[in-house]
Amino acid sequence: MSTSKFAVAGATGRLGRHVVDVLVERGQQVVPISRATGVDIITGNGLAEALSGVDVIIDVASWHASEEDAATQFFRTSARNLHEEGQRAGVARITVASIIGIDGATAGFGAAKKVHEELHLSGLLPVRILRAAQFHEFVGQLLEWQQGDVAYVPAWPSQLVAGRTVAEELVDLATDPDEPAPGTPIPEIAGPRRETVAEAAQLLGARRNIKVVGVDNPDLPDAEYAAAGGLLPGPHAKLAGPTFQLWLDTQP
């Protein structure tokens, strides 16, 4: 595989750190983009300079909360800026991380992410999208949000996947020289085992002395859709990486 120059938007985030690691391990040139590196994809500060000579942008930048309007505005602005500055810099394409089942989202962060996909696909540059299941790392975040000895976690079916596994697949997609055939479904990556988010959280909760209670119908956007299997991978999905239990056993 020839060496290219990749800009990673959201390089210091939960997924972005893995994407940078994978690219570096594969001998690619990497430009990490985040406010921590002095580049802001919302204000545009430093973006033109960061994209100079870049061949491909990998967009894994995300909003930090689930409020729909704020998340939508973030994605709307970031997608526009990446396309406009990317086109000026001569970037060939953008590869974007998204979420399995997002096409059925109607509210909250999911709806914002659905708009994000649409904005990228209608943008100035060619775009490839990878939809991923919920990350293993997301389970810990659910427990931390509640900050107590008891955590109430959705009993939604999922096939949780390691962030590192998603990063590897995302880099594969970004570096693939072949364009997908017309009509090819958006690729998906998920873990090897179907379980509920609450079941995974109970494994982590046992390590942290937190009692986890599965909730069938939490007061969350699109709860019924998720409970009915809306977040499960489709038949064309790639299943890879460790199970949540195996991944957890490797964590400090």
C-alpha atoms as a PDB file:
ATOM      1  CA  MET A   1       0.000   0.000   0.000  1.00  0.00           C
ATOM      2  CA  SER A   2       1.426   3.359  -1.027  1.00  0.00           C
ATOM      3  CA  THR A   3       1.933   6.100   1.545  1.00  0.00           C
ATOM      4  CA  SER A   4      -0.650   8.891   1.662  1.00  0.00           C
ATOM      5  CA  LYS A   5      -1.297  11.833   3.910  1.00  0.00           C
ATOM      6  CA  PHE A   6      -4.360  11.580   6.137  1.00  0.00           C
ATOM      7  CA  ALA A   7      -5.995  14.260   8.257  1.00  0.00           C
ATOM      8  CA  VAL A   8      -7.949  12.838  11.208  1.00  0.00           C
ATOM      9  CA  ALA A   9     -10.688  15.172  12.452  1.00  0.00           C
ATOM     10  CA  GLY A  10     -11.372  14.371  16.092  1.00  0.00           C
ATOM     11  CA  ALA A  11      -7.915  12.851  16.481  1.00  0.00           C
ATOM     12  CA  THR A  12      -7.847  13.023  20.284  1.00  0.00           C
ATOM     13  CA  GLY A  13     -11.309  11.503  20.794  1.00  0.00           C
ATOM     14  CA  ARG A  14     -12.330   7.996  21.812  1.00  0.00           C
ATOM     15  CA  LEU A  15     -12.183   6.675  18.238  1.00  0.00           C
ATOM     16  CA  GLY A  16      -9.751   9.212  16.798  1.00  0.00           C
ATOM     17  CA  ARG A  17      -6.876   8.082  18.998  1.00  0.00           C
ATOM     18  CA  HIS A  18      -7.201   4.559  17.607  1.00  0.00           C
ATOM     19  CA  VAL A  19      -7.442   5.820  14.018  1.00  0.00           C
ATOM     20  CA  VAL A  20      -4.205   7.779  14.423  1.00  0.00           C
ATOM     21  CA  ASP A  21      -2.481   4.730  15.937  1.00  0.00           C
ATOM     22  CA  VAL A  22      -3.591   2.452  13.089  1.00  0.00           C
ATOM     23  CA  LEU A  23      -2.464   4.905  10.408  1.00  0.00           C
ATOM     24  CA  VAL A  24       0.933   5.386  12.048  1.00  0.00           C
ATOM     25  CA  GLU A  25       1.401   1.627  12.446  1.00  0.00           C
ATOM     26  CA  ARG A  26       0.686   1.219   8.739  1.00  0.00           C
ATOM     27  CA  GLY A  27       3.295   3.790   7.785  1.00  0.00           C
ATOM     28  CA  GLN A  28       0.936   6.554   6.686  1.00  0.00           C
ATOM     29  CA  GLN A  29       1.458  10.281   7.205  1.00  0.00           C
ATOM     30  CA  VAL A  30      -1.003  11.643   9.767  1.00  0.00           C
ATOM     31  CA  VAL A  31      -2.173  15.169  10.518  1.00  0.00           C
ATOM     32  CA  PRO A  32      -4.130  15.061  13.821  1.00  0.00           C
ATOM     33  CA  ILE A  33      -6.928  17.636  13.855  1.00  0.00           C
ATOM     34  CA  SER A  34      -8.489  18.734  17.139  1.00  0.00           C
ATOM     35  CA  ARG A  35      -8.635  21.796  19.304  1.00  0.00           C
ATOM     36  CA  ALA A  36      -5.866  20.198  21.362  1.00  0.00           C
ATOM     37  CA  THR A  37      -3.610  20.344  18.298  1.00  0.00           C
ATOM     38  CA  GLY A  38      -4.593  23.938  17.522  1.00  0.00           C
ATOM     39  CA  VAL A  39      -7.098  23.213  14.758  1.00  0.00           C
ATOM     40  CA  ASP A  40     -10.823  23.947  15.135  1.00  0.00           C
ATOM     41  CA  ILE A  41     -13.176  22.434  12.564  1.00  0.00           C
ATOM     42  CA  ILE A  42     -16.038  24.659  13.785  1.00  0.00           C
ATOM     43  CA  THR A  43     -14.385  28.082  13.671  1.00  0.00           C
ATOM     44  CA  GLY A  44     -12.036  26.961  10.908  1.00  0.00           C
ATOM     45  CA  ASN A  45      -8.976  28.217  12.768  1.00  0.00           C
ATOM     46  CA  GLY A  46      -5.898  26.410  11.453  1.00  0.00           C
ATOM     47  CA  LEU A  47      -7.915  24.110   9.185  1.00  0.00           C
ATOM     48  CA  ALA A  48      -6.592  25.295   5.824  1.00  0.00           C
ATOM     49  CA  GLU A  49      -3.006  24.905   7.014  1.00  0.00           C
ATOM     50  CA  ALA A  50      -3.699  21.459   8.476  1.00  0.00           C
ATOM     51  CA  LEU A  51      -5.208  20.192   5.214  1.00  0.00           C
ATOM     52  CA  SER A  52      -2.339  21.358   3.023  1.00  0.00           C
ATOM     53  CA  GLY A  53      -1.095  18.364   1.022  1.00  0.00           C
ATOM     54  CA  VAL A  54      -3.644  15.986   2.584  1.00  0.00           C
ATOM     55  CA  ASP A  55      -4.981  13.191   0.373  1.00  0.00           C
ATOM     56  CA  VAL A  56      -7.846  11.897   2.549  1.00  0.00           C
ATOM     57  CA  ILE A  57      -9.771  13.235   5.547  1.00  0.00           C
ATOM     58  CA  ILE A  58     -11.074  10.765   8.116  1.00  0.00           C
ATOM     59  CA  ASP A  59     -13.881  12.438  10.048  1.00  0.00           C
ATOM     60  CA  VAL A  60     -14.433  10.945  13.503  1.00  0.00           C
ATOM     61  CA  ALA A  61     -15.155  14.235  15.268  1.00  0.00           C
ATOM     62  CA  SER A  62     -18.266  14.117  17.432  1.00  0.00           C
ATOM     63  CA  TRP A  63     -20.420  16.244  19.682  1.00  0.00           C
ATOM     64  CA  HIS A  64     -20.060  15.578  23.414  1.00  0.00           C
ATOM     65  CA  ALA A  65     -23.765  15.493  24.374  1.00  0.00           C
ATOM     66  CA  SER A  66     -27.037  14.052  23.098  1.00  0.00           C
ATOM     67  CA  GLU A  67     -29.038  17.284  22.700  1.00  0.00           C
ATOM     68  CA  GLU A  68     -30.289  17.187  19.122  1.00  0.00           C
ATOM     69  CA  ASP A  69     -30.138  20.842  18.073  1.00  0.00           C
ATOM     70  CA  ALA A  70     -26.622  21.456  19.390  1.00  0.00           C
ATOM     71  CA  ALA A  71     -25.308  18.208  17.911  1.00  0.00           C
ATOM     72  CA  THR A  72     -26.928  18.955  14.558  1.00  0.00           C
ATOM     73  CA  GLN A  73     -25.363  22.411  14.458  1.00  0.00           C
ATOM     74  CA  PHE A  74     -21.962  20.934  15.264  1.00  0.00           C
ATOM     75  CA  PHE A  75     -22.213  18.342  12.507  1.00  0.00           C
ATOM     76  CA  ARG A  76     -23.628  20.828  10.018  1.00  0.00           C
ATOM     77  CA  THR A  77     -20.774  23.279  10.550  1.00  0.00           C
ATOM     78  CA  SER A  78     -17.999  20.706  10.732  1.00  0.00           C
ATOM     79  CA  ALA A  79     -19.109  18.895   7.558  1.00  0.00           C
ATOM     80  CA  ARG A  80     -19.353  22.155   5.607  1.00  0.00           C
ATOM     81  CA  ASN A  81     -15.928  23.324   6.750  1.00  0.00           C
ATOM     82  CA  LEU A  82     -14.237  20.003   6.007  1.00  0.00           C
ATOM     83  CA  HIS A  83     -15.703  19.888   2.508  1.00  0.00           C
ATOM     84  CA  GLU A  84     -14.978  23.515   1.648  1.00  0.00           C
ATOM     85  CA  GLU A  85     -11.432  23.603   2.999  1.00  0.00           C
ATOM     86  CA  GLY A  86     -10.785  20.070   1.789  1.00  0.00           C
ATOM     87  CA  GLN A  87     -11.774  20.995  -1.746  1.00  0.00           C
ATOM     88  CA  ARG A  88      -9.513  24.064  -1.668  1.00  0.00           C
ATOM     89  CA  ALA A  89      -6.637  21.878  -0.466  1.00  0.00           C
ATOM     90  CA  GLY A  90      -7.151  19.269  -3.194  1.00  0.00           C
ATOM     91  CA  VAL A  91      -8.283  16.481  -0.842  1.00  0.00           C
ATOM     92  CA  ALA A  92      -9.484  13.430  -2.801  1.00  0.00           C
ATOM     93  CA  ARG A  93     -12.254  12.278  -0.448  1.00  0.00           C
ATOM     94  CA  ILE A  94     -13.583  12.079   3.099  1.00  0.00           C
ATOM     95  CA  THR A  95     -14.219   8.899   5.082  1.00  0.00           C
ATOM     96  CA  VAL A  96     -16.760   9.249   7.891  1.00  0.00           C
ATOM     97  CA  ALA A  97     -17.587   7.184  10.970  1.00  0.00           C
ATOM     98  CA  SER A  98     -21.302   6.783  11.633  1.00  0.00           C
ATOM     99  CA  ILE A  99     -23.668   4.524  13.586  1.00  0.00           C
ATOM    100  CA  ILE A 100     -25.495   1.319  12.655  1.00  0.00           C
ATOM    101  CA  GLY A 101     -29.244   1.893  12.414  1.00  0.00           C
ATOM    102  CA  ILE A 102     -28.904   5.634  12.031  1.00  0.00           C
ATOM    103  CA  ASP A 103     -31.183   5.723   9.002  1.00  0.00           C
ATOM    104  CA  GLY A 104     -34.100   4.925  11.340  1.00  0.00           C
ATOM    105  CA  ALA A 105     -33.290   7.606  13.925  1.00  0.00           C
ATOM    106  CA  THR A 106     -35.914  10.298  14.529  1.00  0.00           C
ATOM    107  CA  ALA A 107     -34.703  12.238  17.585  1.00  0.00           C
ATOM    108  CA  GLY A 108     -31.742  13.115  19.782  1.00  0.00           C
ATOM    109  CA  PHE A 109     -28.130  12.469  18.864  1.00  0.00           C
ATOM    110  CA  GLY A 110     -29.148   9.783  16.383  1.00  0.00           C
ATOM    111  CA  ALA A 111     -31.190  12.247  14.356  1.00  0.00           C
ATOM    112  CA  ALA A 112     -28.275  14.693  14.385  1.00  0.00           C
ATOM    113  CA  LYS A 113     -25.917  11.990  13.165  1.00  0.00           C
ATOM    114  CA  LYS A 114     -28.372  11.069  10.414  1.00  0.00           C
ATOM    115  CA  VAL A 115     -28.210  14.690   9.223  1.00  0.00           C
ATOM    116  CA  HIS A 116     -24.413  14.459   9.408  1.00  0.00           C
ATOM    117  CA  GLU A 117     -24.416  11.555   6.959  1.00  0.00           C
ATOM    118  CA  GLU A 118     -26.753  13.404   4.598  1.00  0.00           C
ATOM    119  CA  LEU A 119     -24.622  16.562   4.698  1.00  0.00           C
ATOM    120  CA  HIS A 120     -21.458  14.647   3.923  1.00  0.00           C
ATOM    121  CA  LEU A 121     -23.075  12.724   1.059  1.00  0.00           C
ATOM    122  CA  SER A 122     -24.323  15.957  -0.513  1.00  0.00           C
ATOM    123  CA  GLY A 123     -21.018  17.785   0.041  1.00  0.00           C
ATOM    124  CA  LEU A 124     -18.343  18.943  -2.379  1.00  0.00           C
ATOM    125  CA  LEU A 125     -16.042  15.934  -2.012  1.00  0.00           C
ATOM    126  CA  PRO A 126     -16.634  12.189  -2.556  1.00  0.00           C
ATOM    127  CA  VAL A 127     -17.508  10.466   0.727  1.00  0.00           C
ATOM    128  CA  ARG A 128     -17.274   6.953   2.132  1.00  0.00           C
ATOM    129  CA  ILE A 129     -19.209   6.067   5.287  1.00  0.00           C
ATOM    130  CA  LEU A 130     -18.650   3.277   7.810  1.00  0.00           C
ATOM    131  CA  ARG A 131     -21.443   2.573  10.276  1.00  0.00           C
ATOM    132  CA  ALA A 132     -20.379   1.003  13.558  1.00  0.00           C
ATOM    133  CA  ALA A 133     -22.166  -0.600  16.481  1.00  0.00           C
ATOM    134  CA  GLN A 134     -21.871   0.970  19.938  1.00  0.00           C
ATOM    135  CA  PHE A 135     -18.297   0.883  21.185  1.00  0.00           C
ATOM    136  CA  HIS A 136     -17.167  -1.220  24.132  1.00  0.00           C
ATOM    137  CA  GLU A 137     -15.885   2.074  25.552  1.00  0.00           C
ATOM    138  CA  PHE A 138     -19.423   3.514  25.486  1.00  0.00           C
ATOM    139  CA  VAL A 139     -20.493   1.188  28.310  1.00  0.00           C
ATOM    140  CA  GLY A 140     -18.161   2.847  30.803  1.00  0.00           C
ATOM    141  CA  GLN A 141     -19.450   6.227  29.725  1.00  0.00           C
ATOM    142  CA  LEU A 142     -23.006   5.141  30.524  1.00  0.00           C
ATOM    143  CA  LEU A 143     -21.973   4.234  34.073  1.00  0.00           C
ATOM    144  CA  GLU A 144     -19.968   7.422  34.571  1.00  0.00           C
ATOM    145  CA  TRP A 145     -22.898   9.611  33.525  1.00  0.00           C
ATOM    146  CA  GLN A 146     -24.959   8.335  36.454  1.00  0.00           C
ATOM    147  CA  GLN A 147     -22.316   8.751  39.168  1.00  0.00           C
ATOM    148  CA  GLY A 148     -23.769   6.449  41.788  1.00  0.00           C
ATOM    149  CA  ASP A 149     -23.753   2.933  43.226  1.00  0.00           C
ATOM    150  CA  VAL A 150     -26.721   1.958  41.029  1.00  0.00           C
ATOM    151  CA  ALA A 151     -26.876   2.553  37.282  1.00  0.00           C
ATOM    152  CA  TYR A 152     -29.928   2.161  35.056  1.00  0.00           C
ATOM    153  CA  VAL A 153     -28.855   1.043  31.594  1.00  0.00           C
ATOM    154  CA  PRO A 154     -30.985   0.316  28.512  1.00  0.00           C
ATOM    155  CA  ALA A 155     -31.605  -3.359  27.816  1.00  0.00           C
ATOM    156  CA  TRP A 156     -31.187  -2.720  24.096  1.00  0.00           C
ATOM    157  CA  PRO A 157     -29.826  -5.513  21.905  1.00  0.00           C
ATOM    158  CA  SER A 158     -26.532  -4.643  20.265  1.00  0.00           C
ATOM    159  CA  GLN A 159     -23.298  -6.177  19.032  1.00  0.00           C
ATOM    160  CA  LEU A 160     -20.829  -3.988  20.860  1.00  0.00           C
ATOM    161  CA  VAL A 161     -17.508  -3.511  19.118  1.00  0.00           C
ATOM    162  CA  ALA A 162     -14.046  -2.392  20.219  1.00  0.00           C
ATOM    163  CA  GLY A 163     -13.018   1.105  19.192  1.00  0.00           C
ATOM    164  CA  ARG A 164      -9.725  -0.282  17.888  1.00  0.00           C
ATOM    165  CA  THR A 165     -11.617  -2.695  15.609  1.00  0.00           C
ATOM    166  CA  VAL A 166     -13.696   0.164  14.203  1.00  0.00           C
ATOM    167  CA  ALA A 167     -10.536   2.197  13.586  1.00  0.00           C
ATOM    168  CA  GLU A 168      -8.922  -0.652  11.658  1.00  0.00           C
ATOM    169  CA  GLU A 169     -11.978  -1.048   9.439  1.00  0.00           C
ATOM    170  CA  LEU A 170     -12.258   2.708   8.950  1.00  0.00           C
ATOM    171  CA  VAL A 171      -8.634   2.923   7.819  1.00  0.00           C
ATOM    172  CA  ASP A 172      -9.178  -0.054   5.492  1.00  0.00           C
ATOM    173  CA  LEU A 173     -12.092   1.813   3.912  1.00  0.00           C
ATOM    174  CA  ALA A 174     -10.154   5.078   3.682  1.00  0.00           C
ATOM    175  CA  THR A 175      -7.167   3.435   1.992  1.00  0.00           C
ATOM    176  CA  ASP A 176      -9.052   1.110  -0.366  1.00  0.00           C
ATOM    177  CA  PRO A 177      -8.134   2.175  -3.935  1.00  0.00           C
ATOM    178  CA  ASP A 178     -11.287   0.618  -5.370  1.00  0.00           C
ATOM    179  CA  GLU A 179     -14.555   2.527  -5.414  1.00  0.00           C
ATOM    180  CA  PRO A 180     -17.626   0.591  -4.213  1.00  0.00           C
ATOM    181  CA  ALA A 181     -19.967  -0.629  -6.935  1.00  0.00           C
ATOM    182  CA  PRO A 182     -23.164   1.400  -7.447  1.00  0.00           C
ATOM    183  CA  GLY A 183     -25.921   0.264  -5.103  1.00  0.00           C
ATOM    184  CA  THR A 184     -23.511  -1.234  -2.576  1.00  0.00           C
ATOM    185  CA  PRO A 185     -24.961  -0.812   0.937  1.00  0.00           C
ATOM    186  CA  ILE A 186     -23.137   1.379   3.430  1.00  0.00           C
ATOM    187  CA  PRO A 187     -20.594  -0.923   5.138  1.00  0.00           C
ATOM    188  CA  GLU A 188     -21.096  -1.844   8.780  1.00  0.00           C
ATOM    189  CA  ILE A 189     -18.747  -3.097  11.499  1.00  0.00           C
ATOM    190  CA  ALA A 190     -19.952  -4.794  14.686  1.00  0.00           C
ATOM    191  CA  GLY A 191     -18.698  -7.151  17.356  1.00  0.00           C
ATOM    192  CA  PRO A 192     -18.995 -10.938  17.223  1.00  0.00           C
ATOM    193  CA  ARG A 193     -21.601 -11.406  19.971  1.00  0.00           C
ATOM    194  CA  ARG A 194     -25.154 -10.209  20.351  1.00  0.00           C
ATOM    195  CA  GLU A 195     -25.968  -9.017  23.871  1.00  0.00           C
ATOM    196  CA  THR A 196     -27.853  -6.185  25.505  1.00  0.00           C
ATOM    197  CA  VAL A 197     -26.082  -3.021  26.520  1.00  0.00           C
ATOM    198  CA  ALA A 198     -27.253  -3.692  30.098  1.00  0.00           C
ATOM    199  CA  GLU A 199     -25.646  -7.164  30.115  1.00  0.00           C
ATOM    200  CA  ALA A 200     -22.317  -5.676  29.099  1.00  0.00           C
ATOM    201  CA  ALA A 201     -22.706  -2.930  31.687  1.00  0.00           C
ATOM    202  CA  GLN A 202     -23.289  -5.534  34.398  1.00  0.00           C
ATOM    203  CA  LEU A 203     -19.891  -7.078  33.619  1.00  0.00           C
ATOM    204  CA  LEU A 204     -18.213  -3.692  33.962  1.00  0.00           C
ATOM    205  CA  GLY A 205     -20.338  -2.754  36.966  1.00  0.00           C
ATOM    206  CA  ALA A 206     -19.124  -5.834  38.831  1.00  0.00           C
ATOM    207  CA  ARG A 207     -15.560  -4.517  38.491  1.00  0.00           C
ATOM    208  CA  ARG A 208     -16.537  -1.060  39.721  1.00  0.00           C
ATOM    209  CA  ASN A 209     -18.877  -2.150  42.525  1.00  0.00           C
ATOM    210  CA  ILE A 210     -21.859  -0.642  40.723  1.00  0.00           C
ATOM    211  CA  LYS A 211     -25.202  -2.421  40.560  1.00  0.00           C
ATOM    212  CA  VAL A 212     -26.539  -2.267  37.015  1.00  0.00           C
ATOM    213  CA  VAL A 213     -30.270  -2.495  36.407  1.00  0.00           C
ATOM    214  CA  GLY A 214     -31.487  -3.122  32.884  1.00  0.00           C
ATOM    215  CA  VAL A 215     -34.304  -0.817  31.782  1.00  0.00           C
ATOM    216  CA  ASP A 216     -36.689  -2.014  29.077  1.00  0.00           C
ATOM    217  CA  ASN A 217     -38.122   1.370  28.107  1.00  0.00           C
ATOM    218  CA  PRO A 218     -35.808   4.184  29.201  1.00  0.00           C
ATOM    219  CA  ASP A 219     -36.838   7.788  28.675  1.00  0.00           C
ATOM    220  CA  LEU A 220     -34.422   8.275  25.799  1.00  0.00           C
ATOM    221  CA  PRO A 221     -34.861   9.293  22.153  1.00  0.00           C
ATOM    222  CA  ASP A 222     -35.857   6.415  19.857  1.00  0.00           C
ATOM    223  CA  ALA A 223     -35.977   3.979  22.786  1.00  0.00           C
ATOM    224  CA  GLU A 224     -38.629   1.786  21.153  1.00  0.00           C
ATOM    225  CA  TYR A 225     -36.649   1.641  17.910  1.00  0.00           C
ATOM    226  CA  ALA A 226     -33.486   0.587  19.725  1.00  0.00           C
ATOM    227  CA  ALA A 227     -35.320  -1.937  21.920  1.00  0.00           C
ATOM    228  CA  ALA A 228     -36.765  -3.549  18.793  1.00  0.00           C
ATOM    229  CA  GLY A 229     -33.302  -4.201  17.401  1.00  0.00           C
ATOM    230  CA  GLY A 230     -32.772  -1.005  15.437  1.00  0.00           C
ATOM    231  CA  LEU A 231     -29.117  -0.854  16.513  1.00  0.00           C
ATOM    232  CA  LEU A 232     -28.276  -4.387  15.381  1.00  0.00           C
ATOM    233  CA  PRO A 233     -26.058  -4.903  12.322  1.00  0.00           C
ATOM    234  CA  GLY A 234     -27.537  -5.890   8.986  1.00  0.00           C
ATOM    235  CA  PRO A 235     -26.781  -9.111   7.104  1.00  0.00           C
ATOM    236  CA  HIS A 236     -23.924  -7.504   5.146  1.00  0.00           C
ATOM    237  CA  ALA A 237     -22.081  -6.301   8.280  1.00  0.00           C
ATOM    238  CA  LYS A 238     -18.548  -7.398   9.076  1.00  0.00           C
ATOM    239  CA  LEU A 239     -18.304  -8.956  12.539  1.00  0.00           C
ATOM    240  CA  ALA A 240     -14.868  -8.627  14.092  1.00  0.00           C
ATOM    241  CA  GLY A 241     -12.829  -7.944  17.198  1.00  0.00           C
ATOM    242  CA  PRO A 242     -13.091  -9.201  20.752  1.00  0.00           C
ATOM    243  CA  THR A 243     -16.306  -9.729  22.666  1.00  0.00           C
ATOM    244  CA  PHE A 244     -16.999  -7.223  25.411  1.00  0.00           C
ATOM    245  CA  GLN A 245     -15.847  -9.718  28.060  1.00  0.00           C
ATOM    246  CA  LEU A 246     -12.555 -10.413  26.288  1.00  0.00           C
ATOM    247  CA  TRP A 247     -11.974  -6.708  25.729  1.00  0.00           C
ATOM    248  CA  LEU A 248     -12.763  -5.963  29.362  1.00  0.00           C
ATOM    249  CA  ASP A 249     -10.210  -8.530  30.504  1.00  0.00           C
ATOM    250  CA  THR A 250      -7.490  -6.509  28.737  1.00  0.00           C
ATOM    251  CA  GLN A 251      -8.405  -3.195  30.384  1.00  0.00           C
ATOM    252  CA  PRO A 252      -6.445  -1.891  33.386  1.00  0.00           C
END
